[in-house]
């Protein structure tokens, strides 16, 4: 499944995230009803999630920087118009505010993954949780930030 998702997303890390989330959804669906063809269901979920990742990649990349040396305050372009700079600074401030509202474990997971480029297993080890829990923290934190930036 990871290879399939990798071909769709073009990213091993995103493929791993997609497959992890797909298995969570498969488990949830199987708990509610008997799945006639669980492998086909899983493949369809992986496909749909991969497409979702592709669609939202540009927005996430605009909001989160994978380079750990980049300071959030430096994200506003100095070559942009004064209006664009102000809007960028306001968005950065809202992002910092959204991150500060998160519980520590979720905030750390999001910062490690989105700002530091850490992999799920590294985050899980650092927070002493499972990779599934680390993935949940990231999903929950990113969703919160995106909602706040709306």
C-alpha atoms as a PDB file:
ATOM      1  CA  UNK A   1       0.000   0.000   0.000  1.00  0.00           C
ATOM      2  CA  UNK A   2       2.865   2.378   0.767  1.00  0.00           C
ATOM      3  CA  UNK A   3       4.302   1.830  -2.716  1.00  0.00           C
ATOM      4  CA  UNK A   4       0.918   2.536  -4.274  1.00  0.00           C
ATOM      5  CA  UNK A   5       0.446   5.714  -2.236  1.00  0.00           C
ATOM      6  CA  UNK A   6       4.044   6.733  -2.971  1.00  0.00           C
ATOM      7  CA  UNK A   7       3.383   6.547  -6.714  1.00  0.00           C
ATOM      8  CA  UNK A   8       0.320   8.752  -6.286  1.00  0.00           C
ATOM      9  CA  UNK A   9       1.775  11.353  -3.923  1.00  0.00           C
ATOM     10  CA  UNK A  10       5.383  11.347  -5.076  1.00  0.00           C
ATOM     11  CA  UNK A  11       6.529  11.406  -1.453  1.00  0.00           C
ATOM     12  CA  UNK A  12       7.480   8.472   0.761  1.00  0.00           C
ATOM     13  CA  UNK A  13       6.604  10.440   3.917  1.00  0.00           C
ATOM     14  CA  UNK A  14       3.170  11.402   2.621  1.00  0.00           C
ATOM     15  CA  UNK A  15       2.612   7.854   1.417  1.00  0.00           C
ATOM     16  CA  UNK A  16       3.314   6.536   4.920  1.00  0.00           C
ATOM     17  CA  UNK A  17       0.897   9.072   6.399  1.00  0.00           C
ATOM     18  CA  UNK A  18      -1.786   8.168   3.864  1.00  0.00           C
ATOM     19  CA  UNK A  19      -1.462   4.440   4.546  1.00  0.00           C
ATOM     20  CA  UNK A  20      -1.441   4.981   8.313  1.00  0.00           C
ATOM     21  CA  UNK A  21      -4.630   7.022   8.097  1.00  0.00           C
ATOM     22  CA  UNK A  22      -6.186   4.497   5.704  1.00  0.00           C
ATOM     23  CA  UNK A  23      -5.609   1.664   8.177  1.00  0.00           C
ATOM     24  CA  UNK A  24      -7.180   3.734  10.945  1.00  0.00           C
ATOM     25  CA  UNK A  25     -10.222   4.318   8.735  1.00  0.00           C
ATOM     26  CA  UNK A  26     -10.337   0.639   7.770  1.00  0.00           C
ATOM     27  CA  UNK A  27     -10.350  -0.352  11.450  1.00  0.00           C
ATOM     28  CA  UNK A  28     -13.115   2.148  12.193  1.00  0.00           C
ATOM     29  CA  UNK A  29     -15.227   0.925   9.267  1.00  0.00           C
ATOM     30  CA  UNK A  30     -14.653  -2.742  10.160  1.00  0.00           C
ATOM     31  CA  UNK A  31     -15.774  -2.041  13.723  1.00  0.00           C
ATOM     32  CA  UNK A  32     -19.076  -0.639  12.434  1.00  0.00           C
ATOM     33  CA  UNK A  33     -19.854  -3.179   9.738  1.00  0.00           C
ATOM     34  CA  UNK A  34     -18.628  -6.329   8.070  1.00  0.00           C
ATOM     35  CA  UNK A  35     -16.552  -5.356   5.045  1.00  0.00           C
ATOM     36  CA  UNK A  36     -17.071  -7.696   2.115  1.00  0.00           C
ATOM     37  CA  UNK A  37     -13.754  -6.814   0.436  1.00  0.00           C
ATOM     38  CA  UNK A  38     -11.456  -5.152   2.990  1.00  0.00           C
ATOM     39  CA  UNK A  39      -8.436  -5.094   0.618  1.00  0.00           C
ATOM     40  CA  UNK A  40     -10.420  -3.277  -2.077  1.00  0.00           C
ATOM     41  CA  UNK A  41     -11.837  -0.913   0.547  1.00  0.00           C
ATOM     42  CA  UNK A  42      -8.340  -0.173   1.835  1.00  0.00           C
ATOM     43  CA  UNK A  43      -7.009   0.493  -1.677  1.00  0.00           C
ATOM     44  CA  UNK A  44      -9.889   2.907  -2.392  1.00  0.00           C
ATOM     45  CA  UNK A  45      -9.301   4.745   0.895  1.00  0.00           C
ATOM     46  CA  UNK A  46      -5.563   5.004   0.140  1.00  0.00           C
ATOM     47  CA  UNK A  47      -6.375   6.330  -3.335  1.00  0.00           C
ATOM     48  CA  UNK A  48      -8.815   8.943  -2.012  1.00  0.00           C
ATOM     49  CA  UNK A  49      -6.520  10.051   0.804  1.00  0.00           C
ATOM     50  CA  UNK A  50      -3.574  10.342  -1.593  1.00  0.00           C
ATOM     51  CA  UNK A  51      -5.645  12.574  -3.859  1.00  0.00           C
ATOM     52  CA  UNK A  52      -6.646  14.669  -0.853  1.00  0.00           C
ATOM     53  CA  UNK A  53      -2.971  15.061   0.060  1.00  0.00           C
ATOM     54  CA  UNK A  54      -2.108  16.120  -3.470  1.00  0.00           C
ATOM     55  CA  UNK A  55      -4.915  18.692  -3.514  1.00  0.00           C
ATOM     56  CA  UNK A  56      -3.955  20.202  -0.175  1.00  0.00           C
ATOM     57  CA  UNK A  57      -0.153  20.014  -0.603  1.00  0.00           C
ATOM     58  CA  UNK A  58       0.197  23.554  -1.923  1.00  0.00           C
ATOM     59  CA  UNK A  59      -1.809  25.026   0.920  1.00  0.00           C
ATOM     60  CA  UNK A  60       0.140  23.104   3.564  1.00  0.00           C
ATOM     61  CA  UNK A  61       3.450  24.057   1.989  1.00  0.00           C
ATOM     62  CA  UNK A  62       2.396  27.689   2.017  1.00  0.00           C
ATOM     63  CA  UNK A  63       1.575  27.494   5.722  1.00  0.00           C
ATOM     64  CA  UNK A  64       4.287  25.172   7.020  1.00  0.00           C
ATOM     65  CA  UNK A  65       7.974  25.209   6.146  1.00  0.00           C
ATOM     66  CA  UNK A  66       9.922  21.946   6.290  1.00  0.00           C
ATOM     67  CA  UNK A  67      13.280  23.647   6.890  1.00  0.00           C
ATOM     68  CA  UNK A  68      14.090  23.614  10.605  1.00  0.00           C
ATOM     69  CA  UNK A  69      16.422  26.618  10.239  1.00  0.00           C
ATOM     70  CA  UNK A  70      13.622  28.857   9.013  1.00  0.00           C
ATOM     71  CA  UNK A  71      12.077  31.138  11.595  1.00  0.00           C
ATOM     72  CA  UNK A  72       8.324  31.721  11.298  1.00  0.00           C
ATOM     73  CA  UNK A  73       8.906  35.481  11.358  1.00  0.00           C
ATOM     74  CA  UNK A  74      11.102  35.155   8.266  1.00  0.00           C
ATOM     75  CA  UNK A  75       8.324  33.578   6.221  1.00  0.00           C
ATOM     76  CA  UNK A  76       6.932  36.955   5.132  1.00  0.00           C
ATOM     77  CA  UNK A  77       8.609  37.847   1.870  1.00  0.00           C
ATOM     78  CA  UNK A  78      10.661  41.047   1.832  1.00  0.00           C
ATOM     79  CA  UNK A  79      10.096  41.298  -1.936  1.00  0.00           C
ATOM     80  CA  UNK A  80       6.319  41.366  -1.589  1.00  0.00           C
ATOM     81  CA  UNK A  81       4.267  44.530  -1.570  1.00  0.00           C
ATOM     82  CA  UNK A  82       3.701  46.166   1.817  1.00  0.00           C
ATOM     83  CA  UNK A  83       0.118  44.869   1.798  1.00  0.00           C
ATOM     84  CA  UNK A  84       1.265  41.318   1.078  1.00  0.00           C
ATOM     85  CA  UNK A  85       3.916  41.572   3.790  1.00  0.00           C
ATOM     86  CA  UNK A  86       1.313  42.714   6.301  1.00  0.00           C
ATOM     87  CA  UNK A  87      -1.049  39.898   5.338  1.00  0.00           C
ATOM     88  CA  UNK A  88       1.784  37.370   5.599  1.00  0.00           C
ATOM     89  CA  UNK A  89       2.784  38.659   9.031  1.00  0.00           C
ATOM     90  CA  UNK A  90      -0.822  38.493  10.183  1.00  0.00           C
ATOM     91  CA  UNK A  91      -1.089  34.897   8.953  1.00  0.00           C
ATOM     92  CA  UNK A  92       2.156  33.993  10.740  1.00  0.00           C
ATOM     93  CA  UNK A  93       0.871  35.590  13.925  1.00  0.00           C
ATOM     94  CA  UNK A  94      -2.392  33.606  13.621  1.00  0.00           C
ATOM     95  CA  UNK A  95      -0.383  30.418  13.028  1.00  0.00           C
ATOM     96  CA  UNK A  96       1.770  31.061  16.104  1.00  0.00           C
ATOM     97  CA  UNK A  97      -1.383  31.771  18.089  1.00  0.00           C
ATOM     98  CA  UNK A  98      -3.032  28.554  16.839  1.00  0.00           C
ATOM     99  CA  UNK A  99       0.065  26.515  17.743  1.00  0.00           C
ATOM    100  CA  UNK A 100       0.152  28.039  21.220  1.00  0.00           C
ATOM    101  CA  UNK A 101      -3.457  26.925  21.809  1.00  0.00           C
ATOM    102  CA  UNK A 102      -2.566  23.262  21.287  1.00  0.00           C
ATOM    103  CA  UNK A 103      -1.698  20.864  24.119  1.00  0.00           C
ATOM    104  CA  UNK A 104       2.081  20.449  24.425  1.00  0.00           C
ATOM    105  CA  UNK A 105       2.266  16.937  22.960  1.00  0.00           C
ATOM    106  CA  UNK A 106       0.229  17.924  19.882  1.00  0.00           C
ATOM    107  CA  UNK A 107       2.112  21.204  19.401  1.00  0.00           C
ATOM    108  CA  UNK A 108       5.471  19.431  19.677  1.00  0.00           C
ATOM    109  CA  UNK A 109       4.374  16.749  17.184  1.00  0.00           C
ATOM    110  CA  UNK A 110       3.237  19.370  14.663  1.00  0.00           C
ATOM    111  CA  UNK A 111       6.378  21.459  15.065  1.00  0.00           C
ATOM    112  CA  UNK A 112       8.652  18.431  14.791  1.00  0.00           C
ATOM    113  CA  UNK A 113       6.885  17.147  11.679  1.00  0.00           C
ATOM    114  CA  UNK A 114       5.942  20.305   9.786  1.00  0.00           C
ATOM    115  CA  UNK A 115       8.708  22.667  10.859  1.00  0.00           C
ATOM    116  CA  UNK A 116      11.473  20.201  11.651  1.00  0.00           C
ATOM    117  CA  UNK A 117      10.798  17.564   9.018  1.00  0.00           C
ATOM    118  CA  UNK A 118      10.804  14.722  11.561  1.00  0.00           C
ATOM    119  CA  UNK A 119       9.288  11.394  10.544  1.00  0.00           C
ATOM    120  CA  UNK A 120       6.398   9.784  12.414  1.00  0.00           C
ATOM    121  CA  UNK A 121       8.607   7.200  14.107  1.00  0.00           C
ATOM    122  CA  UNK A 122      10.992   9.936  15.342  1.00  0.00           C
ATOM    123  CA  UNK A 123       8.087  11.896  16.779  1.00  0.00           C
ATOM    124  CA  UNK A 124       6.653   8.767  18.371  1.00  0.00           C
ATOM    125  CA  UNK A 125       9.994   8.017  20.034  1.00  0.00           C
ATOM    126  CA  UNK A 126      10.440  11.608  21.239  1.00  0.00           C
ATOM    127  CA  UNK A 127       6.939  11.731  22.733  1.00  0.00           C
ATOM    128  CA  UNK A 128       7.016   8.104  23.912  1.00  0.00           C
ATOM    129  CA  UNK A 129       3.823   7.225  22.022  1.00  0.00           C
ATOM    130  CA  UNK A 130       2.929   4.890  19.144  1.00  0.00           C
ATOM    131  CA  UNK A 131       3.325   6.047  15.544  1.00  0.00           C
ATOM    132  CA  UNK A 132      -0.463   5.908  15.267  1.00  0.00           C
ATOM    133  CA  UNK A 133      -0.759   8.317  18.186  1.00  0.00           C
ATOM    134  CA  UNK A 134       1.949  10.579  16.709  1.00  0.00           C
ATOM    135  CA  UNK A 135       0.036  10.640  13.415  1.00  0.00           C
ATOM    136  CA  UNK A 136      -3.173  11.487  15.287  1.00  0.00           C
ATOM    137  CA  UNK A 137      -1.415  14.349  17.091  1.00  0.00           C
ATOM    138  CA  UNK A 138      -0.174  15.787  13.796  1.00  0.00           C
ATOM    139  CA  UNK A 139      -3.547  15.438  12.081  1.00  0.00           C
ATOM    140  CA  UNK A 140      -5.341  17.046  14.995  1.00  0.00           C
ATOM    141  CA  UNK A 141      -2.818  19.884  15.301  1.00  0.00           C
ATOM    142  CA  UNK A 142      -2.709  20.679  11.584  1.00  0.00           C
ATOM    143  CA  UNK A 143      -6.517  20.589  11.383  1.00  0.00           C
ATOM    144  CA  UNK A 144      -6.680  23.038  14.297  1.00  0.00           C
ATOM    145  CA  UNK A 145      -4.183  25.389  12.626  1.00  0.00           C
ATOM    146  CA  UNK A 146      -5.952  25.246   9.276  1.00  0.00           C
ATOM    147  CA  UNK A 147      -9.268  25.979  10.957  1.00  0.00           C
ATOM    148  CA  UNK A 148      -7.787  28.982  12.755  1.00  0.00           C
ATOM    149  CA  UNK A 149      -6.248  30.278   9.532  1.00  0.00           C
ATOM    150  CA  UNK A 150      -9.527  29.554   7.707  1.00  0.00           C
END
